[in-house]
Amino acid sequence: SLMQQYNGNAGRYRQQYASDQQALQAATSDQAYQAALNALNGHVAAIKLPALQAEATSLQQKLSQQANAWASGHTYYDSYDGVTYNLGYEYQAIVNYPAQGLMDSSETGADYQYAIVQLNNWLANFQAYQTDFYDRTSYNQVHRTDTQLMQKYGDVSGKVIVVALAEQAMRVYQNGSLVNSFQIVSGMPDHPSLPGTWWIETRQTNIKFTSGKKPGQDGYYPPTPIAFAMQYHSGGYFIHQSWWRSEYGPDMQFPHLDSGGSSFADKGSHGCINMSTPDVQWLYNFATVGSTNLIIY
């Protein structure tokens, strides 16, 4: 059963099933048989929610175990600050957010089914991340993992933005064909970007980002004017201009000395996808709200 497959507590349900079987076999009248059948159907319905809950919990544990195992064998030593960072930290982080949030808010079978879909998607994206980590194909060429994920998610037509965290790269597709590619900077280890499947929710120009923190607090940055921004998650995750940066691409999400000299460019973002002004302006003009999908892996 699903309960056994996903390590749920199936003992009570096995006892109920055995009792229901006996009642069906012992029924000597239509009335008794119908009563036993109704009891069986009720018990079957009752096990569905715990079974879905057990499946979701098992998938969350699987994601956590895989991300931790990968990180234990794949690290990045940063000579700039002398710290060794886990690679794939984005997948360690999503076990808590948003995965745990989905689990905590799930009440119905539909809730748990949605969580199961999301967890399976994160597992698929993490598998693609690991494969892409070893792929030496140039960032501005089609990657096999892009194609596999677009096929999995039914994104073989229309506009699709793919962000490959292992490369710090973005590739843009239309109707399955690569139309542009960029180097980006994603979230720093303390504020990782969100792997997953999303879409462009809003497009905004000439806005101001604020941290909601006071100077000196973790995560603080001064009010920052942004010329182009596209939100892809209601938690405040954007693809946006980062005029203060001079460098993009591999390892720029870790502490480093930016050649432009800006102290705000010496680490990754606070979870957003940062792009240069000309690159993000092109993407802003390309993307359409609600119909441009985004895959981050």
Foldseek 3Di string as FASTA:
>chain_A
DLCVVLVHDCVVLVVQVVVLVVQCVPDPDPVSNVVSVVSVVVSVVVVLVVSLLSLLVSLLVVLLVVQVVQQVVDWDQDPVVRDIGGPSLLSNVVSVPPLVVLSVPDDDSVSSVVSNVFSVQSVLVVVLLVVVLPDPPDQWDDDPSVVVSCVVVVNQAAWEWEQRVSKQKIFIDHNNHTDGIFHWFFAASVQGAHAGKWAFADKDAFDWDAQPDDPPDPRGDHTHTWGIWTDTDPVPEIETEDQQADDGIPPQQAADQGPSRDPVSRHGDNHYIYDHPVVRVVVSVVGDHPGYMYGYD
